[in-house]
Protein backbone atom coordinates (compact mmCIF):
# COMPACT_ATOMS: atom_id res chain seq x y z
CA MET A 1 71.47 101.40 192.63
CA ASP A 2 67.82 100.38 193.92
CA ARG A 3 64.63 102.33 192.95
CA ARG A 4 64.37 104.25 195.24
CA GLU A 5 67.96 105.97 194.51
CA PHE A 6 67.29 105.78 191.04
CA THR A 7 64.02 107.86 191.18
CA ALA A 8 65.90 110.17 193.52
CA SER A 9 68.68 110.60 191.40
CA LEU A 10 66.01 111.05 188.22
CA VAL A 11 64.08 113.85 190.13
CA ALA A 12 66.89 115.76 192.04
CA GLY A 13 69.23 115.71 188.84
CA GLY A 14 66.47 117.11 186.71
CA CYS A 15 65.47 119.67 189.05
CA ALA A 16 68.94 120.78 190.12
CA GLY A 17 70.11 121.22 186.72
CA MET A 18 66.60 123.03 185.71
CA CYS A 19 66.69 125.45 188.46
CA VAL A 20 70.65 125.96 187.70
CA ASP A 21 69.33 126.50 183.66
CA LEU A 22 66.70 128.81 184.04
CA THR A 23 68.39 131.02 187.63
CA LEU A 24 71.77 131.80 185.15
CA PHE A 25 70.22 132.06 181.53
CA PRO A 26 70.79 135.94 181.14
CA LEU A 27 74.37 135.02 181.86
CA ASP A 28 74.58 132.19 179.46
CA THR A 29 73.10 134.34 176.96
CA ILE A 30 75.83 137.13 177.69
CA LYS A 31 78.87 134.22 176.84
CA THR A 32 77.31 132.75 173.90
CA ARG A 33 77.19 136.41 172.70
CA LEU A 34 80.84 137.20 174.05
CA GLN A 35 82.10 133.78 172.03
CA SER A 36 79.89 134.41 169.35
CA GLN A 37 82.46 134.98 165.87
CA GLN A 38 80.05 138.69 165.19
CA GLY A 39 81.39 139.90 168.15
CA PHE A 40 78.86 140.75 171.75
CA TYR A 41 76.69 143.71 170.25
CA LYS A 42 76.04 142.40 166.37
CA ALA A 43 74.81 138.85 168.32
CA GLY A 44 72.37 140.93 170.36
CA GLY A 45 74.47 142.55 173.29
CA PHE A 46 72.30 142.96 176.51
CA ARG A 47 68.78 143.08 174.22
CA GLY A 48 66.89 140.03 174.44
CA ILE A 49 68.78 138.10 177.26
CA TYR A 50 66.60 135.71 177.58
CA ALA A 51 65.71 134.86 173.70
CA GLY A 52 66.33 130.87 173.49
CA LEU A 53 64.64 130.33 176.74
CA PRO A 54 62.17 127.90 175.50
CA SER A 55 64.64 125.46 174.25
CA ALA A 56 66.46 125.50 177.17
CA ALA A 57 63.46 124.99 179.94
CA ILE A 58 62.26 122.22 177.27
CA GLY A 59 65.70 120.05 177.34
CA SER A 60 67.05 121.05 181.15
CA PHE A 61 65.00 118.33 183.00
CA PRO A 62 65.72 115.69 181.15
CA ASN A 63 69.29 116.61 180.23
CA ALA A 64 70.50 116.70 183.98
CA ALA A 65 68.30 113.68 184.87
CA VAL A 66 69.73 111.25 182.32
CA PHE A 67 73.51 112.73 183.66
CA PHE A 68 73.12 112.47 187.03
CA VAL A 69 71.00 108.61 186.57
CA THR A 70 73.94 107.41 184.77
CA TYR A 71 76.64 109.06 186.72
CA GLU A 72 74.91 108.02 189.84
CA SER A 73 74.16 104.36 187.90
CA THR A 74 78.36 104.24 186.92
CA LYS A 75 79.00 104.96 190.80
CA SER A 76 76.68 102.42 192.28
CA LEU A 77 78.15 99.79 189.73
CA PHE A 78 81.87 100.76 190.86
CA SER A 79 80.62 101.14 194.36
CA GLY A 80 83.62 98.39 195.48
CA TYR A 81 86.85 101.13 194.21
CA SER A 82 84.85 103.87 195.89
CA ALA A 83 87.27 103.87 199.33
CA THR A 84 90.47 103.62 197.42
CA ASN A 85 92.56 105.11 195.60
CA LEU A 86 90.80 104.56 192.16
CA ALA A 87 88.01 106.35 193.48
CA PRO A 88 89.34 109.72 191.70
CA ILE A 89 88.83 106.99 188.11
CA THR A 90 85.57 106.10 189.03
CA HIS A 91 84.22 109.38 189.49
CA MET A 92 85.46 110.35 186.08
CA LEU A 93 84.15 107.10 184.46
CA ALA A 94 80.61 108.01 185.50
CA ALA A 95 80.90 111.60 184.97
CA SER A 96 82.13 111.39 181.50
CA LEU A 97 79.41 108.11 180.45
CA GLY A 98 76.80 110.72 181.94
CA GLU A 99 78.07 113.33 179.19
CA ILE A 100 78.07 110.94 176.39
CA VAL A 101 74.68 110.00 177.51
CA ALA A 102 73.25 113.69 178.29
CA CYS A 103 74.49 115.06 175.20
CA LEU A 104 72.15 113.24 173.12
CA ILE A 105 69.35 115.54 174.51
CA ARG A 106 71.18 118.75 175.73
CA VAL A 107 73.02 119.06 171.70
CA PRO A 108 69.71 119.66 169.87
CA THR A 109 68.25 122.34 172.69
CA GLU A 110 71.89 123.91 172.76
CA VAL A 111 71.54 124.41 169.32
CA VAL A 112 68.73 126.09 168.98
CA LYS A 113 69.26 128.05 172.07
CA GLN A 114 72.85 129.49 171.17
CA ARG A 115 71.30 130.28 167.64
CA THR A 116 68.35 132.17 168.99
CA GLN A 117 70.47 133.54 171.61
CA ALA A 118 72.96 135.01 168.80
CA SER A 119 70.01 136.39 166.79
CA PRO A 120 67.15 137.52 169.20
CA SER A 121 65.53 139.05 166.17
CA LEU A 122 64.16 135.25 165.06
CA ASN A 123 62.25 133.15 168.18
CA THR A 124 62.80 129.35 169.22
CA TYR A 125 60.49 128.13 166.81
CA ARG A 126 61.81 129.86 163.55
CA VAL A 127 65.48 129.17 164.68
CA LEU A 128 64.15 125.42 164.97
CA LEU A 129 62.42 125.81 161.41
CA ASN A 130 65.59 126.83 159.80
CA THR A 131 67.91 124.62 161.27
CA LEU A 132 65.01 121.97 159.86
CA GLN A 133 64.76 123.13 156.74
CA GLU A 134 68.65 124.19 155.64
CA GLU A 135 70.34 121.02 157.75
CA GLY A 136 67.85 118.67 158.46
CA PHE A 137 67.52 116.76 161.71
CA ARG A 138 71.43 116.30 161.49
CA GLY A 139 71.51 119.80 161.78
CA LEU A 140 70.31 119.61 165.41
CA TYR A 141 73.52 117.71 166.21
CA ARG A 142 75.83 119.48 164.61
CA GLY A 143 78.35 120.03 167.44
CA TYR A 144 77.95 117.04 169.20
CA GLY A 145 81.20 115.76 168.82
CA SER A 146 82.66 119.40 169.74
CA THR A 147 80.06 119.18 172.74
CA VAL A 148 81.33 115.69 174.20
CA LEU A 149 84.74 116.41 173.93
CA ARG A 150 84.26 119.82 175.83
CA GLU A 151 81.36 118.36 178.65
CA ILE A 152 83.86 115.20 179.62
CA PRO A 153 86.96 117.52 180.56
CA PHE A 154 84.70 119.47 181.55
CA SER A 155 83.67 116.60 184.29
CA LEU A 156 87.03 114.89 184.32
CA VAL A 157 87.87 117.80 186.42
CA GLN A 158 84.89 119.13 187.96
CA PHE A 159 83.00 115.82 189.58
CA PRO A 160 86.02 114.58 191.26
CA LEU A 161 87.23 117.48 192.34
CA TRP A 162 83.89 118.35 193.96
CA GLU A 163 83.94 115.02 195.68
CA TYR A 164 87.80 115.03 196.82
CA LEU A 165 86.58 118.77 198.60
CA LYS A 166 83.37 117.10 199.82
CA ALA A 167 85.25 114.32 201.74
CA VAL A 168 87.86 116.61 202.95
CA TRP A 169 85.08 118.63 204.20
CA TRP A 170 83.43 115.86 205.68
CA MET A 171 86.62 114.67 207.76
CA ARG A 172 87.33 118.00 208.86
CA GLN A 173 83.72 118.43 210.47
CA GLY A 174 83.63 114.95 211.12
CA GLY A 175 80.29 114.28 210.17
CA ARG A 176 77.75 114.74 206.99
CA LEU A 177 77.82 117.72 204.85
CA ASP A 178 74.81 120.38 205.32
CA SER A 179 73.18 120.89 201.11
CA TRP A 180 74.77 124.34 200.87
CA GLN A 181 78.49 123.03 201.66
CA ALA A 182 77.53 120.78 199.09
CA ALA A 183 76.81 123.31 197.16
CA VAL A 184 79.78 125.33 197.85
CA CYS A 185 81.85 122.59 196.77
CA GLY A 186 80.24 122.47 193.64
CA ALA A 187 80.73 125.72 192.95
CA LEU A 188 84.43 125.86 193.15
CA ALA A 189 84.78 122.84 191.53
CA GLY A 190 82.83 124.12 188.41
CA GLY A 191 84.22 127.47 188.24
CA VAL A 192 88.14 125.27 187.99
CA ALA A 193 86.56 122.98 185.25
CA ALA A 194 84.99 126.00 183.43
CA PHE A 195 88.26 127.79 183.42
CA VAL A 196 90.20 125.11 181.84
CA THR A 197 87.65 124.50 179.38
CA THR A 198 86.83 127.71 178.14
CA PRO A 199 88.86 127.62 175.09
CA LEU A 200 86.86 124.32 174.09
CA ASP A 201 83.58 126.09 174.79
CA VAL A 202 84.45 128.41 172.32
CA ALA A 203 85.06 126.01 169.53
CA LYS A 204 81.92 124.77 170.78
CA THR A 205 80.25 127.70 170.14
CA TRP A 206 81.62 128.98 166.92
CA ILE A 207 80.60 125.26 165.28
CA MET A 208 76.63 125.82 166.09
CA LEU A 209 76.50 128.93 164.95
CA ALA A 210 78.70 128.88 162.06
CA LYS A 211 76.36 129.30 158.68
CA THR A 212 76.05 126.09 156.93
CA GLY A 213 79.37 124.94 154.57
CA THR A 214 81.51 126.31 155.81
CA SER A 215 85.31 125.24 157.23
CA THR A 216 84.22 126.04 160.93
CA ALA A 217 80.39 124.50 160.55
CA SER A 218 82.47 120.88 159.28
CA GLY A 219 83.02 120.69 163.60
CA ASN A 220 87.03 120.52 163.31
CA ILE A 221 88.08 121.64 166.52
CA PRO A 222 91.74 121.85 165.78
CA THR A 223 90.49 123.75 163.00
CA VAL A 224 88.21 126.09 164.85
CA LEU A 225 90.71 126.59 167.46
CA TYR A 226 93.57 127.92 164.68
CA GLU A 227 90.76 129.71 163.35
CA VAL A 228 89.78 131.32 167.08
CA TRP A 229 93.57 131.59 167.83
CA ARG A 230 94.41 133.28 164.20
CA SER A 231 91.22 136.12 164.12
CA ARG A 232 91.71 136.72 167.97
CA GLY A 233 94.51 135.95 169.29
CA ILE A 234 94.71 134.10 173.15
CA PRO A 235 92.01 136.85 174.20
CA GLY A 236 89.58 134.85 171.75
CA PHE A 237 89.60 131.75 173.93
CA GLY A 238 88.45 133.80 176.77
CA LEU A 239 85.13 135.91 177.22
CA THR A 240 86.73 139.17 175.82
CA GLU A 241 85.24 140.81 173.09
CA PRO A 242 86.86 141.62 170.08
CA SER A 243 87.96 145.00 168.05
CA SER A 244 86.62 143.38 165.18
CA GLY A 245 86.17 139.56 163.41
CA PRO A 246 84.17 137.88 160.97
CA ASP A 247 80.52 138.04 160.65
CA PRO A 248 79.31 134.14 160.92
CA ARG A 249 76.93 134.41 157.76
CA THR A 250 80.49 135.15 155.82
CA PRO A 251 82.11 131.62 154.81
CA HIS A 252 85.22 131.56 156.19
CA PRO A 253 88.15 130.27 153.57
CA SER A 254 89.79 127.01 154.58
CA THR A 255 92.74 126.69 157.68
CA CYS A 256 93.29 123.19 157.16
């Protein structure tokens, strides 16, 4: 990847990610509250749907920029395989590396953002300060492993499917795709990936929002998934509101 391509990936990726994150932020808040342990209305309902926006705004551009630079750089490195049957593997590897690097920026902003979304009475600065006081800098990376384990499968589904859909559309119309066509392909690929990885996303949310010292906060994904299933059943892995559920500020018994 030459300097021009690097700069293009950096700026375009960062701007695209920031636009998406900020535009769809209210939906992200609703998703977080639906997934939270205390339930949608106790987490704030439709009140303060822009809670946590500063954290998302600060981290969105560098997070997306780092991802797309890593993604495009890895694709460029293995460009010799792009025209073979190994192309999907190249896309998977590029997306996985991109997620691992991007999560170094994403996780701290995600922790602060989700905790603010689930506690709209607190502002971003107060949530950040509380996290540092209670858990130290390490607390900002609680859920890093679960985030990576969620993001990698997401990207393994999304990006090969996105590249495949673009290639099929390109061949059928015999020319270059317009930006809206690439966006449609991305939307379809992202929707499929989100559907597949929602259980892991629920586990990530529980881990990030759990009270310090609880079994959930330890970040053991199989344990958290079992806890979700035990308290909510299969619907708990989607975006449904349970009739009742444990308060995230109350320690949970170990399910190991």
